[in-house]
Amino acid sequence: MKHMYHTRIITVMIITLIALASVHAAGNSESHEIPEIQEETSMRKKFETLYPYRPLADSLKRELNAEEAYVILNKGTDYAFTGEYTDTETEGTYYCRQCDAPLYVSDSKFHSGCGWPSFDDEIDTAVLRYNDADGRRTEIVCATCGGHLGHVFLNEGFTDTQTRHCVNSTSLVFREGPPVATAVFAGGCFWGVEYLMESLDGVYDAVSGYTGGETENPTYREVLTHTTGHLEAVRVDYDPTVISYEDLTRYFLEIHDPTQKNGQGPDIGNQYLSAIFYGSRQEYDTAIDLLTILEEKGYDVATKILPRAVFYDAEEYHQDYYQQKGAEPYCHVYTKRF
């Protein structure tokens, strides 16, 4: 009996040791996964700390009259059936009156009989939704400047999307033609960035210029003195229904070296630094996401994430430089990084 008792004790001890070993192994397994999560979080936090988000500057917004301010800033409402765009059917694009960001294309506009312009879809990432202060409705605002647009209603049966953006005409500006959005990048000499950006489907134009500094209307000679604070940059005008901001930014990070800290290639100086100039929170988050991915891949990223500033076109002889010379960029080349 005593022998059987000892045998049982030994068996219980062995089972206990096996269980403890399993718990310990599981604990070690989890401890290996946690640093990866922490590393990803810390990489993103690094950029958010270095470059905290700042809303669109007032200098980039259109000055509003009293009626426009009442609707766009104070969340007012046009009187029903009085708005300029309530019944328009012309083909084109509707832009934010305050910041000029494209919001809706005419193909998404329909007659709802509600007394305000109605759209059943927005341009991707152009409009944000918030719970209205009345606790019943959902407010819609411009994703770039936060200007009040109106309200969105669901499941009314008007169109297949079951969505109605009820928008104040006062919040909109209409132009014929497809939508034109803008992105701004700096990646060394603007000639090469401009040349390669213009090669993309969905890009209308790329313009060389200066941005991010203090001097108004700087000249090329002034920027070369390193005292204006401006970077050589490129404004990219594109169709957001053809190419996304994320795809543009991804391509930008693959046509120059985002790890070079003092310039780009042989071009050295503070006007040649790498930077993404965001206009909205969505653009800021996109930049953070892409730079975080590069860091995770082992790149020591030097690209700055900066708020959009006034952009000054460079002198005419800088525009389409390589096309004029019949040459190709000497320090910009596509390198797959994603």
C-alpha atoms as a PDB file:
ATOM      1  CA  MET A   1       0.000   0.000   0.000  1.00  0.00           C
ATOM      2  CA  LYS A   2       2.813   2.355   0.933  1.00  0.00           C
ATOM      3  CA  HIS A   3       4.500   1.582  -2.397  1.00  0.00           C
ATOM      4  CA  MET A   4       1.291   2.401  -4.257  1.00  0.00           C
ATOM      5  CA  TYR A   5       0.941   5.625  -2.269  1.00  0.00           C
ATOM      6  CA  HIS A   6       4.480   6.721  -3.168  1.00  0.00           C
ATOM      7  CA  THR A   7       3.832   5.852  -6.779  1.00  0.00           C
ATOM      8  CA  ARG A   8       0.740   8.070  -6.818  1.00  0.00           C
ATOM      9  CA  ILE A   9       2.687  10.930  -5.219  1.00  0.00           C
ATOM     10  CA  ILE A  10       5.432  10.657  -7.827  1.00  0.00           C
ATOM     11  CA  THR A  11       2.852  10.538 -10.627  1.00  0.00           C
ATOM     12  CA  VAL A  12       1.123  13.680  -9.349  1.00  0.00           C
ATOM     13  CA  MET A  13       4.477  15.468  -9.094  1.00  0.00           C
ATOM     14  CA  ILE A  14       5.387  14.539 -12.659  1.00  0.00           C
ATOM     15  CA  ILE A  15       2.025  15.769 -13.983  1.00  0.00           C
ATOM     16  CA  THR A  16       2.427  19.007 -12.023  1.00  0.00           C
ATOM     17  CA  LEU A  17       5.931  19.573 -13.407  1.00  0.00           C
ATOM     18  CA  ILE A  18       4.710  18.951 -16.960  1.00  0.00           C
ATOM     19  CA  ALA A  19       1.866  21.444 -16.482  1.00  0.00           C
ATOM     20  CA  LEU A  20       4.217  24.064 -15.063  1.00  0.00           C
ATOM     21  CA  ALA A  21       6.618  23.537 -17.956  1.00  0.00           C
ATOM     22  CA  SER A  22       3.762  24.042 -20.433  1.00  0.00           C
ATOM     23  CA  VAL A  23       2.697  27.265 -18.738  1.00  0.00           C
ATOM     24  CA  HIS A  24       6.291  28.484 -18.728  1.00  0.00           C
ATOM     25  CA  ALA A  25       6.685  27.656 -22.424  1.00  0.00           C
ATOM     26  CA  ALA A  26       3.441  29.430 -23.253  1.00  0.00           C
ATOM     27  CA  GLY A  27       4.591  32.426 -21.272  1.00  0.00           C
ATOM     28  CA  ASN A  28       7.878  32.510 -23.147  1.00  0.00           C
ATOM     29  CA  SER A  29       6.018  32.230 -26.445  1.00  0.00           C
ATOM     30  CA  GLU A  30       3.844  35.207 -25.570  1.00  0.00           C
ATOM     31  CA  SER A  31       6.818  37.237 -24.393  1.00  0.00           C
ATOM     32  CA  HIS A  32       8.395  36.826 -27.843  1.00  0.00           C
ATOM     33  CA  GLU A  33       5.300  38.251 -29.546  1.00  0.00           C
ATOM     34  CA  ILE A  34       4.837  41.272 -27.286  1.00  0.00           C
ATOM     35  CA  PRO A  35       8.093  43.047 -28.266  1.00  0.00           C
ATOM     36  CA  GLU A  36       7.016  42.906 -31.945  1.00  0.00           C
ATOM     37  CA  ILE A  37       3.764  44.675 -31.088  1.00  0.00           C
ATOM     38  CA  GLN A  38       5.618  47.147 -28.902  1.00  0.00           C
ATOM     39  CA  GLU A  39       8.199  47.708 -31.641  1.00  0.00           C
ATOM     40  CA  GLU A  40       5.521  48.502 -34.230  1.00  0.00           C
ATOM     41  CA  THR A  41       3.779  50.831 -31.777  1.00  0.00           C
ATOM     42  CA  SER A  42       7.020  52.572 -30.861  1.00  0.00           C
ATOM     43  CA  MET A  43       7.937  53.101 -34.520  1.00  0.00           C
ATOM     44  CA  ARG A  44       4.618  54.783 -35.226  1.00  0.00           C
ATOM     45  CA  LYS A  45       4.870  56.737 -31.960  1.00  0.00           C
ATOM     46  CA  LYS A  46       8.295  57.935 -33.044  1.00  0.00           C
ATOM     47  CA  PHE A  47       6.863  59.722 -36.071  1.00  0.00           C
ATOM     48  CA  GLU A  48       3.807  61.007 -34.201  1.00  0.00           C
ATOM     49  CA  THR A  49       6.113  62.493 -31.554  1.00  0.00           C
ATOM     50  CA  LEU A  50       8.528  64.008 -34.053  1.00  0.00           C
ATOM     51  CA  TYR A  51       5.735  65.384 -36.230  1.00  0.00           C
ATOM     52  CA  PRO A  52       2.519  65.982 -34.242  1.00  0.00           C
ATOM     53  CA  TYR A  53      -0.570  66.544 -36.364  1.00  0.00           C
ATOM     54  CA  ARG A  54      -1.602  70.133 -37.060  1.00  0.00           C
ATOM     55  CA  PRO A  55      -4.878  71.102 -38.779  1.00  0.00           C
ATOM     56  CA  LEU A  56      -4.892  72.953 -42.081  1.00  0.00           C
ATOM     57  CA  ALA A  57      -3.518  76.467 -41.638  1.00  0.00           C
ATOM     58  CA  ASP A  58      -5.885  79.414 -41.994  1.00  0.00           C
ATOM     59  CA  SER A  59      -3.569  80.814 -44.667  1.00  0.00           C
ATOM     60  CA  LEU A  60      -4.661  77.922 -46.910  1.00  0.00           C
ATOM     61  CA  LYS A  61      -8.368  78.540 -46.412  1.00  0.00           C
ATOM     62  CA  ARG A  62     -10.574  80.920 -48.338  1.00  0.00           C
ATOM     63  CA  GLU A  63     -11.852  83.923 -46.383  1.00  0.00           C
ATOM     64  CA  LEU A  64     -15.588  83.492 -45.792  1.00  0.00           C
ATOM     65  CA  ASN A  65     -18.321  86.108 -45.803  1.00  0.00           C
ATOM     66  CA  ALA A  66     -20.896  86.237 -42.998  1.00  0.00           C
ATOM     67  CA  GLU A  67     -23.370  83.875 -44.693  1.00  0.00           C
ATOM     68  CA  GLU A  68     -20.682  81.338 -45.554  1.00  0.00           C
ATOM     69  CA  ALA A  69     -19.214  81.475 -42.043  1.00  0.00           C
ATOM     70  CA  TYR A  70     -22.682  80.893 -40.548  1.00  0.00           C
ATOM     71  CA  VAL A  71     -23.062  77.630 -42.477  1.00  0.00           C
ATOM     72  CA  ILE A  72     -19.471  76.334 -42.720  1.00  0.00           C
ATOM     73  CA  LEU A  73     -18.047  77.392 -39.357  1.00  0.00           C
ATOM     74  CA  ASN A  74     -21.160  77.663 -37.169  1.00  0.00           C
ATOM     75  CA  LYS A  75     -22.937  74.617 -38.635  1.00  0.00           C
ATOM     76  CA  GLY A  76     -25.866  76.591 -39.982  1.00  0.00           C
ATOM     77  CA  THR A  77     -28.281  75.498 -42.725  1.00  0.00           C
ATOM     78  CA  ASP A  78     -29.389  77.011 -46.027  1.00  0.00           C
ATOM     79  CA  TYR A  79     -33.121  77.599 -46.424  1.00  0.00           C
ATOM     80  CA  ALA A  80     -34.702  74.684 -48.308  1.00  0.00           C
ATOM     81  CA  PHE A  81     -35.015  75.039 -52.120  1.00  0.00           C
ATOM     82  CA  THR A  82     -32.936  78.244 -52.146  1.00  0.00           C
ATOM     83  CA  GLY A  83     -29.433  76.860 -52.703  1.00  0.00           C
ATOM     84  CA  GLU A  84     -27.543  77.457 -55.934  1.00  0.00           C
ATOM     85  CA  TYR A  85     -26.881  73.753 -56.535  1.00  0.00           C
ATOM     86  CA  THR A  86     -30.135  72.174 -55.372  1.00  0.00           C
ATOM     87  CA  ASP A  87     -31.293  71.140 -58.852  1.00  0.00           C
ATOM     88  CA  THR A  88     -28.161  71.440 -61.004  1.00  0.00           C
ATOM     89  CA  GLU A  89     -27.397  68.592 -63.427  1.00  0.00           C
ATOM     90  CA  THR A  90     -24.211  69.842 -65.110  1.00  0.00           C
ATOM     91  CA  GLU A  91     -21.381  67.319 -65.237  1.00  0.00           C
ATOM     92  CA  GLY A  92     -18.439  68.225 -63.063  1.00  0.00           C
ATOM     93  CA  THR A  93     -17.109  68.258 -59.513  1.00  0.00           C
ATOM     94  CA  TYR A  94     -18.243  69.869 -56.261  1.00  0.00           C
ATOM     95  CA  TYR A  95     -15.449  71.280 -54.087  1.00  0.00           C
ATOM     96  CA  CYS A  96     -15.292  72.536 -50.511  1.00  0.00           C
ATOM     97  CA  ARG A  97     -15.866  76.285 -50.538  1.00  0.00           C
ATOM     98  CA  GLN A  98     -13.425  76.845 -47.673  1.00  0.00           C
ATOM     99  CA  CYS A  99     -10.389  74.775 -48.725  1.00  0.00           C
ATOM    100  CA  ASP A 100     -11.100  73.742 -52.337  1.00  0.00           C
ATOM    101  CA  ALA A 101     -10.798  70.008 -51.694  1.00  0.00           C
ATOM    102  CA  PRO A 102     -12.886  67.905 -54.132  1.00  0.00           C
ATOM    103  CA  LEU A 103     -15.857  66.305 -52.345  1.00  0.00           C
ATOM    104  CA  TYR A 104     -18.438  64.954 -54.819  1.00  0.00           C
ATOM    105  CA  VAL A 105     -18.666  64.197 -58.530  1.00  0.00           C
ATOM    106  CA  SER A 106     -21.847  64.968 -60.435  1.00  0.00           C
ATOM    107  CA  ASP A 107     -22.459  61.270 -61.174  1.00  0.00           C
ATOM    108  CA  SER A 108     -23.335  60.788 -57.492  1.00  0.00           C
ATOM    109  CA  LYS A 109     -25.856  63.668 -57.441  1.00  0.00           C
ATOM    110  CA  PHE A 110     -29.583  62.899 -57.559  1.00  0.00           C
ATOM    111  CA  HIS A 111     -32.942  64.592 -57.013  1.00  0.00           C
ATOM    112  CA  SER A 112     -34.370  63.710 -53.617  1.00  0.00           C
ATOM    113  CA  GLY A 113     -36.967  66.481 -53.342  1.00  0.00           C
ATOM    114  CA  CYS A 114     -35.607  67.432 -49.922  1.00  0.00           C
ATOM    115  CA  GLY A 115     -34.693  70.997 -50.868  1.00  0.00           C
ATOM    116  CA  TRP A 116     -30.906  70.613 -50.709  1.00  0.00           C
ATOM    117  CA  PRO A 117     -28.292  69.100 -53.052  1.00  0.00           C
ATOM    118  CA  SER A 118     -28.230  65.324 -52.558  1.00  0.00           C
ATOM    119  CA  PHE A 119     -25.379  62.898 -53.245  1.00  0.00           C
ATOM    120  CA  ASP A 120     -25.343  59.135 -52.718  1.00  0.00           C
ATOM    121  CA  ASP A 121     -21.557  58.841 -52.472  1.00  0.00           C
ATOM    122  CA  GLU A 122     -18.504  60.997 -51.784  1.00  0.00           C
ATOM    123  CA  ILE A 123     -15.003  60.953 -53.248  1.00  0.00           C
ATOM    124  CA  ASP A 124     -13.007  58.434 -51.229  1.00  0.00           C
ATOM    125  CA  THR A 125     -11.712  59.869 -47.888  1.00  0.00           C
ATOM    126  CA  ALA A 126     -13.099  63.352 -48.725  1.00  0.00           C
ATOM    127  CA  VAL A 127     -15.887  63.474 -46.127  1.00  0.00           C
ATOM    128  CA  LEU A 128     -15.965  62.643 -42.409  1.00  0.00           C
ATOM    129  CA  ARG A 129     -19.009  61.699 -40.308  1.00  0.00           C
ATOM    130  CA  TYR A 130     -19.723  62.658 -36.697  1.00  0.00           C
ATOM    131  CA  ASN A 131     -22.631  62.228 -34.342  1.00  0.00           C
ATOM    132  CA  ASP A 132     -24.598  65.465 -34.490  1.00  0.00           C
ATOM    133  CA  ALA A 133     -25.037  67.615 -31.397  1.00  0.00           C
ATOM    134  CA  ASP A 134     -28.790  66.937 -31.530  1.00  0.00           C
ATOM    135  CA  GLY A 135     -28.074  63.272 -30.779  1.00  0.00           C
ATOM    136  CA  ARG A 136     -30.243  62.069 -33.694  1.00  0.00           C
ATOM    137  CA  ARG A 137     -28.486  62.877 -36.941  1.00  0.00           C
ATOM    138  CA  THR A 138     -25.024  62.320 -38.429  1.00  0.00           C
ATOM    139  CA  GLU A 139     -23.108  65.424 -39.437  1.00  0.00           C
ATOM    140  CA  ILE A 140     -20.776  65.424 -42.451  1.00  0.00           C
ATOM    141  CA  VAL A 141     -17.733  67.684 -42.732  1.00  0.00           C
ATOM    142  CA  CYS A 142     -14.916  68.255 -45.195  1.00  0.00           C
ATOM    143  CA  ALA A 143     -12.097  65.874 -44.250  1.00  0.00           C
ATOM    144  CA  THR A 144      -9.470  68.467 -45.152  1.00  0.00           C
ATOM    145  CA  CYS A 145     -10.602  71.612 -43.332  1.00  0.00           C
ATOM    146  CA  GLY A 146     -13.440  70.365 -41.111  1.00  0.00           C
ATOM    147  CA  GLY A 147     -15.951  72.729 -42.680  1.00  0.00           C
ATOM    148  CA  HIS A 148     -19.624  71.822 -42.074  1.00  0.00           C
ATOM    149  CA  LEU A 149     -21.343  70.334 -45.140  1.00  0.00           C
ATOM    150  CA  GLY A 150     -24.693  69.057 -43.849  1.00  0.00           C
ATOM    151  CA  HIS A 151     -25.956  65.633 -42.757  1.00  0.00           C
ATOM    152  CA  VAL A 152     -26.036  62.083 -44.084  1.00  0.00           C
ATOM    153  CA  PHE A 153     -29.126  59.840 -44.004  1.00  0.00           C
ATOM    154  CA  LEU A 154     -29.260  56.081 -44.619  1.00  0.00           C
ATOM    155  CA  ASN A 155     -31.760  53.478 -45.819  1.00  0.00           C
ATOM    156  CA  GLU A 156     -34.252  55.882 -47.400  1.00  0.00           C
ATOM    157  CA  GLY A 157     -34.504  53.954 -50.667  1.00  0.00           C
ATOM    158  CA  PHE A 158     -33.537  56.754 -53.059  1.00  0.00           C
ATOM    159  CA  THR A 159     -30.588  54.941 -54.704  1.00  0.00           C
ATOM    160  CA  ASP A 160     -28.838  51.591 -54.556  1.00  0.00           C
ATOM    161  CA  THR A 161     -26.310  52.912 -52.035  1.00  0.00           C
ATOM    162  CA  GLN A 162     -29.135  53.676 -49.570  1.00  0.00           C
ATOM    163  CA  THR A 163     -27.234  56.868 -48.732  1.00  0.00           C
ATOM    164  CA  ARG A 164     -28.166  60.547 -49.017  1.00  0.00           C
ATOM    165  CA  HIS A 165     -25.640  63.282 -48.325  1.00  0.00           C
ATOM    166  CA  CYS A 166     -27.827  66.335 -47.724  1.00  0.00           C
ATOM    167  CA  VAL A 167     -25.417  69.210 -48.389  1.00  0.00           C
ATOM    168  CA  ASN A 168     -25.703  72.985 -48.142  1.00  0.00           C
ATOM    169  CA  SER A 169     -25.038  74.764 -51.429  1.00  0.00           C
ATOM    170  CA  THR A 170     -23.178  77.398 -49.418  1.00  0.00           C
ATOM    171  CA  SER A 171     -20.572  74.781 -48.471  1.00  0.00           C
ATOM    172  CA  LEU A 172     -19.855  73.946 -52.120  1.00  0.00           C
ATOM    173  CA  VAL A 173     -18.229  75.334 -55.237  1.00  0.00           C
ATOM    174  CA  PHE A 174     -18.938  73.638 -58.579  1.00  0.00           C
ATOM    175  CA  ARG A 175     -16.545  73.341 -61.519  1.00  0.00           C
ATOM    176  CA  GLU A 176     -16.953  71.450 -64.745  1.00  0.00           C
ATOM    177  CA  GLY A 177     -14.586  68.566 -65.370  1.00  0.00           C
ATOM    178  CA  PRO A 178     -13.286  65.624 -63.315  1.00  0.00           C
ATOM    179  CA  PRO A 179     -12.042  66.173 -59.738  1.00  0.00           C
ATOM    180  CA  VAL A 180      -8.650  67.774 -59.125  1.00  0.00           C
ATOM    181  CA  ALA A 181      -6.936  67.049 -55.802  1.00  0.00           C
ATOM    182  CA  THR A 182      -3.510  68.282 -54.713  1.00  0.00           C
ATOM    183  CA  ALA A 183      -0.551  66.649 -52.973  1.00  0.00           C
ATOM    184  CA  VAL A 184       2.814  68.227 -52.100  1.00  0.00           C
ATOM    185  CA  PHE A 185       6.147  66.391 -51.786  1.00  0.00           C
ATOM    186  CA  ALA A 186       9.799  67.388 -51.405  1.00  0.00           C
ATOM    187  CA  GLY A 187      12.535  64.941 -52.360  1.00  0.00           C
ATOM    188  CA  GLY A 188      15.660  66.775 -53.422  1.00  0.00           C
ATOM    189  CA  CYS A 189      15.924  68.657 -56.701  1.00  0.00           C
ATOM    190  CA  PHE A 190      12.366  69.259 -57.854  1.00  0.00           C
ATOM    191  CA  TRP A 191      13.188  68.538 -61.490  1.00  0.00           C
ATOM    192  CA  GLY A 192      13.388  64.782 -60.950  1.00  0.00           C
ATOM    193  CA  VAL A 193      10.359  64.485 -58.655  1.00  0.00           C
ATOM    194  CA  GLU A 194       8.260  66.494 -61.094  1.00  0.00           C
ATOM    195  CA  TYR A 195       9.403  64.420 -64.077  1.00  0.00           C
ATOM    196  CA  LEU A 196       8.576  61.050 -62.490  1.00  0.00           C
ATOM    197  CA  MET A 197       5.312  62.134 -60.860  1.00  0.00           C
ATOM    198  CA  GLU A 198       3.983  63.310 -64.213  1.00  0.00           C
ATOM    199  CA  SER A 199       4.444  59.803 -65.584  1.00  0.00           C
ATOM    200  CA  LEU A 200       1.666  58.360 -63.397  1.00  0.00           C
ATOM    201  CA  ASP A 201      -1.827  57.615 -64.665  1.00  0.00           C
ATOM    202  CA  GLY A 202      -4.268  59.952 -62.940  1.00  0.00           C
ATOM    203  CA  VAL A 203      -1.766  62.813 -62.543  1.00  0.00           C
ATOM    204  CA  TYR A 204      -2.759  65.923 -64.471  1.00  0.00           C
ATOM    205  CA  ASP A 205       0.303  68.014 -63.738  1.00  0.00           C
ATOM    206  CA  ALA A 206       3.293  68.368 -61.433  1.00  0.00           C
ATOM    207  CA  VAL A 207       4.638  71.851 -60.680  1.00  0.00           C
ATOM    208  CA  SER A 208       8.053  72.677 -59.236  1.00  0.00           C
ATOM    209  CA  GLY A 209       8.118  75.230 -56.448  1.00  0.00           C
ATOM    210  CA  TYR A 210       9.057  76.237 -52.921  1.00  0.00           C
ATOM    211  CA  THR A 211       7.228  75.654 -49.648  1.00  0.00           C
ATOM    212  CA  GLY A 212       7.643  75.325 -45.886  1.00  0.00           C
ATOM    213  CA  GLY A 213       9.659  78.497 -45.293  1.00  0.00           C
ATOM    214  CA  GLU A 214       9.147  82.052 -44.095  1.00  0.00           C
ATOM    215  CA  THR A 215      10.076  84.198 -47.093  1.00  0.00           C
ATOM    216  CA  GLU A 216       7.140  85.267 -49.270  1.00  0.00           C
ATOM    217  CA  ASN A 217       7.472  84.723 -53.017  1.00  0.00           C
ATOM    218  CA  PRO A 218      11.071  83.467 -52.805  1.00  0.00           C
ATOM    219  CA  THR A 219      13.303  83.309 -55.838  1.00  0.00           C
ATOM    220  CA  TYR A 220      15.539  80.369 -56.684  1.00  0.00           C
ATOM    221  CA  ARG A 221      18.613  82.444 -55.788  1.00  0.00           C
ATOM    222  CA  GLU A 222      17.145  83.270 -52.383  1.00  0.00           C
ATOM    223  CA  VAL A 223      16.351  79.624 -51.647  1.00  0.00           C
ATOM    224  CA  LEU A 224      19.935  78.685 -52.541  1.00  0.00           C
ATOM    225  CA  THR A 225      21.202  80.882 -49.679  1.00  0.00           C
ATOM    226  CA  HIS A 226      19.656  78.384 -47.180  1.00  0.00           C
ATOM    227  CA  THR A 227      18.068  81.298 -45.303  1.00  0.00           C
ATOM    228  CA  THR A 228      14.439  81.200 -46.501  1.00  0.00           C
ATOM    229  CA  GLY A 229      13.516  77.893 -44.823  1.00  0.00           C
ATOM    230  CA  HIS A 230      11.877  76.668 -48.040  1.00  0.00           C
ATOM    231  CA  LEU A 231      12.293  73.231 -49.559  1.00  0.00           C
ATOM    232  CA  GLU A 232      12.331  72.553 -53.260  1.00  0.00           C
ATOM    233  CA  ALA A 233       8.978  70.804 -53.621  1.00  0.00           C
ATOM    234  CA  VAL A 234       6.477  69.583 -56.188  1.00  0.00           C
ATOM    235  CA  ARG A 235       2.727  70.192 -56.218  1.00  0.00           C
ATOM    236  CA  VAL A 236       0.955  67.247 -57.798  1.00  0.00           C
ATOM    237  CA  ASP A 237      -2.516  67.796 -59.241  1.00  0.00           C
ATOM    238  CA  TYR A 238      -4.292  64.469 -59.651  1.00  0.00           C
ATOM    239  CA  ASP A 239      -7.643  62.737 -60.090  1.00  0.00           C
ATOM    240  CA  PRO A 240      -8.489  60.994 -56.776  1.00  0.00           C
ATOM    241  CA  THR A 241     -10.945  58.718 -58.584  1.00  0.00           C
ATOM    242  CA  VAL A 242      -8.064  57.325 -60.666  1.00  0.00           C
ATOM    243  CA  ILE A 243      -5.108  57.287 -58.263  1.00  0.00           C
ATOM    244  CA  SER A 244      -5.230  57.507 -54.472  1.00  0.00           C
ATOM    245  CA  TYR A 245      -3.172  59.735 -52.213  1.00  0.00           C
ATOM    246  CA  GLU A 246      -1.677  56.595 -50.677  1.00  0.00           C
ATOM    247  CA  ASP A 247      -0.497  55.335 -54.064  1.00  0.00           C
ATOM    248  CA  LEU A 248       0.998  58.737 -54.874  1.00  0.00           C
ATOM    249  CA  THR A 249       2.860  58.866 -51.568  1.00  0.00           C
ATOM    250  CA  ARG A 250       4.062  55.278 -51.879  1.00  0.00           C
ATOM    251  CA  TYR A 251       5.460  56.087 -55.334  1.00  0.00           C
ATOM    252  CA  PHE A 252       7.124  59.267 -54.040  1.00  0.00           C
ATOM    253  CA  LEU A 253       8.958  57.198 -51.396  1.00  0.00           C
ATOM    254  CA  GLU A 254      10.210  54.897 -54.160  1.00  0.00           C
ATOM    255  CA  ILE A 255      11.598  57.546 -56.536  1.00  0.00           C
ATOM    256  CA  HIS A 256      14.038  59.132 -54.090  1.00  0.00           C
ATOM    257  CA  ASP A 257      16.095  58.017 -51.090  1.00  0.00           C
ATOM    258  CA  PRO A 258      13.942  58.568 -47.976  1.00  0.00           C
ATOM    259  CA  THR A 259      16.902  57.702 -45.727  1.00  0.00           C
ATOM    260  CA  GLN A 260      19.271  60.502 -46.803  1.00  0.00           C
ATOM    261  CA  LYS A 261      19.311  63.163 -44.105  1.00  0.00           C
ATOM    262  CA  ASN A 262      21.229  66.040 -45.659  1.00  0.00           C
ATOM    263  CA  GLY A 263      19.804  66.270 -49.153  1.00  0.00           C
ATOM    264  CA  GLN A 264      19.283  63.985 -52.094  1.00  0.00           C
ATOM    265  CA  GLY A 265      22.114  62.383 -54.005  1.00  0.00           C
ATOM    266  CA  PRO A 266      24.761  64.988 -54.779  1.00  0.00           C
ATOM    267  CA  ASP A 267      22.398  67.863 -53.933  1.00  0.00           C
ATOM    268  CA  ILE A 268      23.235  68.822 -50.351  1.00  0.00           C
ATOM    269  CA  GLY A 269      21.493  71.491 -48.279  1.00  0.00           C
ATOM    270  CA  ASN A 270      18.337  72.210 -46.295  1.00  0.00           C
ATOM    271  CA  GLN A 271      16.331  73.021 -49.443  1.00  0.00           C
ATOM    272  CA  TYR A 272      16.849  69.428 -50.658  1.00  0.00           C
ATOM    273  CA  LEU A 273      15.434  67.561 -47.645  1.00  0.00           C
ATOM    274  CA  SER A 274      12.813  64.817 -47.992  1.00  0.00           C
ATOM    275  CA  ALA A 275       9.319  65.742 -46.766  1.00  0.00           C
ATOM    276  CA  ILE A 276       5.648  64.912 -47.147  1.00  0.00           C
ATOM    277  CA  PHE A 277       3.377  67.956 -46.755  1.00  0.00           C
ATOM    278  CA  TYR A 278      -0.045  66.776 -45.571  1.00  0.00           C
ATOM    279  CA  GLY A 279      -3.278  68.742 -45.928  1.00  0.00           C
ATOM    280  CA  SER A 280      -5.660  66.562 -43.939  1.00  0.00           C
ATOM    281  CA  ARG A 281      -5.659  64.069 -41.093  1.00  0.00           C
ATOM    282  CA  GLN A 282      -6.106  61.275 -43.630  1.00  0.00           C
ATOM    283  CA  GLU A 283      -2.970  62.375 -45.506  1.00  0.00           C
ATOM    284  CA  TYR A 284      -1.071  62.653 -42.213  1.00  0.00           C
ATOM    285  CA  ASP A 285      -2.102  59.127 -41.163  1.00  0.00           C
ATOM    286  CA  THR A 286      -1.167  57.783 -44.596  1.00  0.00           C
ATOM    287  CA  ALA A 287       2.311  59.290 -44.305  1.00  0.00           C
ATOM    288  CA  ILE A 288       2.737  57.867 -40.794  1.00  0.00           C
ATOM    289  CA  ASP A 289       1.606  54.405 -41.951  1.00  0.00           C
ATOM    290  CA  LEU A 290       3.973  54.288 -44.927  1.00  0.00           C
ATOM    291  CA  LEU A 291       7.017  55.543 -43.036  1.00  0.00           C
ATOM    292  CA  THR A 292       6.291  53.032 -40.274  1.00  0.00           C
ATOM    293  CA  ILE A 293       6.266  50.239 -42.857  1.00  0.00           C
ATOM    294  CA  LEU A 294       9.653  51.382 -44.178  1.00  0.00           C
ATOM    295  CA  GLU A 295      11.096  51.465 -40.642  1.00  0.00           C
ATOM    296  CA  GLU A 296       9.811  47.931 -40.051  1.00  0.00           C
ATOM    297  CA  LYS A 297      11.598  46.874 -43.239  1.00  0.00           C
ATOM    298  CA  GLY A 298      14.870  48.180 -41.805  1.00  0.00           C
ATOM    299  CA  TYR A 299      15.065  51.633 -43.420  1.00  0.00           C
ATOM    300  CA  ASP A 300      16.300  54.484 -41.217  1.00  0.00           C
ATOM    301  CA  VAL A 301      13.767  56.998 -42.514  1.00  0.00           C
ATOM    302  CA  ALA A 302      14.715  60.672 -42.707  1.00  0.00           C
ATOM    303  CA  THR A 303      11.563  61.898 -44.475  1.00  0.00           C
ATOM    304  CA  LYS A 304       9.760  64.646 -42.546  1.00  0.00           C
ATOM    305  CA  ILE A 305       5.973  64.827 -42.154  1.00  0.00           C
ATOM    306  CA  LEU A 306       4.997  68.495 -42.270  1.00  0.00           C
ATOM    307  CA  PRO A 307       1.726  70.446 -42.469  1.00  0.00           C
ATOM    308  CA  ARG A 308       0.856  71.931 -45.854  1.00  0.00           C
ATOM    309  CA  ALA A 309       2.090  75.503 -46.252  1.00  0.00           C
ATOM    310  CA  VAL A 310       1.779  78.171 -48.922  1.00  0.00           C
ATOM    311  CA  PHE A 311       3.271  76.829 -52.156  1.00  0.00           C
ATOM    312  CA  TYR A 312       5.119  79.217 -54.480  1.00  0.00           C
ATOM    313  CA  ASP A 313       5.605  78.181 -58.099  1.00  0.00           C
ATOM    314  CA  ALA A 314       9.242  78.178 -59.180  1.00  0.00           C
ATOM    315  CA  GLU A 315      10.429  80.242 -62.102  1.00  0.00           C
ATOM    316  CA  GLU A 316       9.246  79.158 -65.544  1.00  0.00           C
ATOM    317  CA  TYR A 317      12.629  77.775 -66.599  1.00  0.00           C
ATOM    318  CA  HIS A 318      12.372  75.182 -63.799  1.00  0.00           C
ATOM    319  CA  GLN A 319       9.061  73.774 -65.043  1.00  0.00           C
ATOM    320  CA  ASP A 320       9.244  70.546 -67.105  1.00  0.00           C
ATOM    321  CA  TYR A 321      13.010  70.928 -67.017  1.00  0.00           C
ATOM    322  CA  TYR A 322      13.943  67.455 -68.250  1.00  0.00           C
ATOM    323  CA  GLN A 323      11.359  67.520 -71.036  1.00  0.00           C
ATOM    324  CA  GLN A 324      12.815  70.821 -72.220  1.00  0.00           C
ATOM    325  CA  LYS A 325      16.364  69.451 -72.113  1.00  0.00           C
ATOM    326  CA  GLY A 326      15.443  66.082 -73.615  1.00  0.00           C
ATOM    327  CA  ALA A 327      17.115  64.358 -70.659  1.00  0.00           C
ATOM    328  CA  GLU A 328      16.206  62.178 -67.675  1.00  0.00           C
ATOM    329  CA  PRO A 329      16.748  62.649 -63.908  1.00  0.00           C
ATOM    330  CA  TYR A 330      20.287  62.075 -62.646  1.00  0.00           C
ATOM    331  CA  CYS A 331      19.488  61.471 -58.966  1.00  0.00           C
ATOM    332  CA  HIS A 332      15.923  60.147 -59.032  1.00  0.00           C
ATOM    333  CA  VAL A 333      15.156  56.589 -60.065  1.00  0.00           C
ATOM    334  CA  TYR A 334      12.401  54.153 -59.168  1.00  0.00           C
ATOM    335  CA  THR A 335      13.380  51.607 -56.504  1.00  0.00           C
ATOM    336  CA  LYS A 336      10.729  49.218 -55.185  1.00  0.00           C
ATOM    337  CA  ARG A 337      10.498  49.496 -51.381  1.00  0.00           C
ATOM    338  CA  PHE A 338       6.974  48.292 -50.593  1.00  0.00           C
END
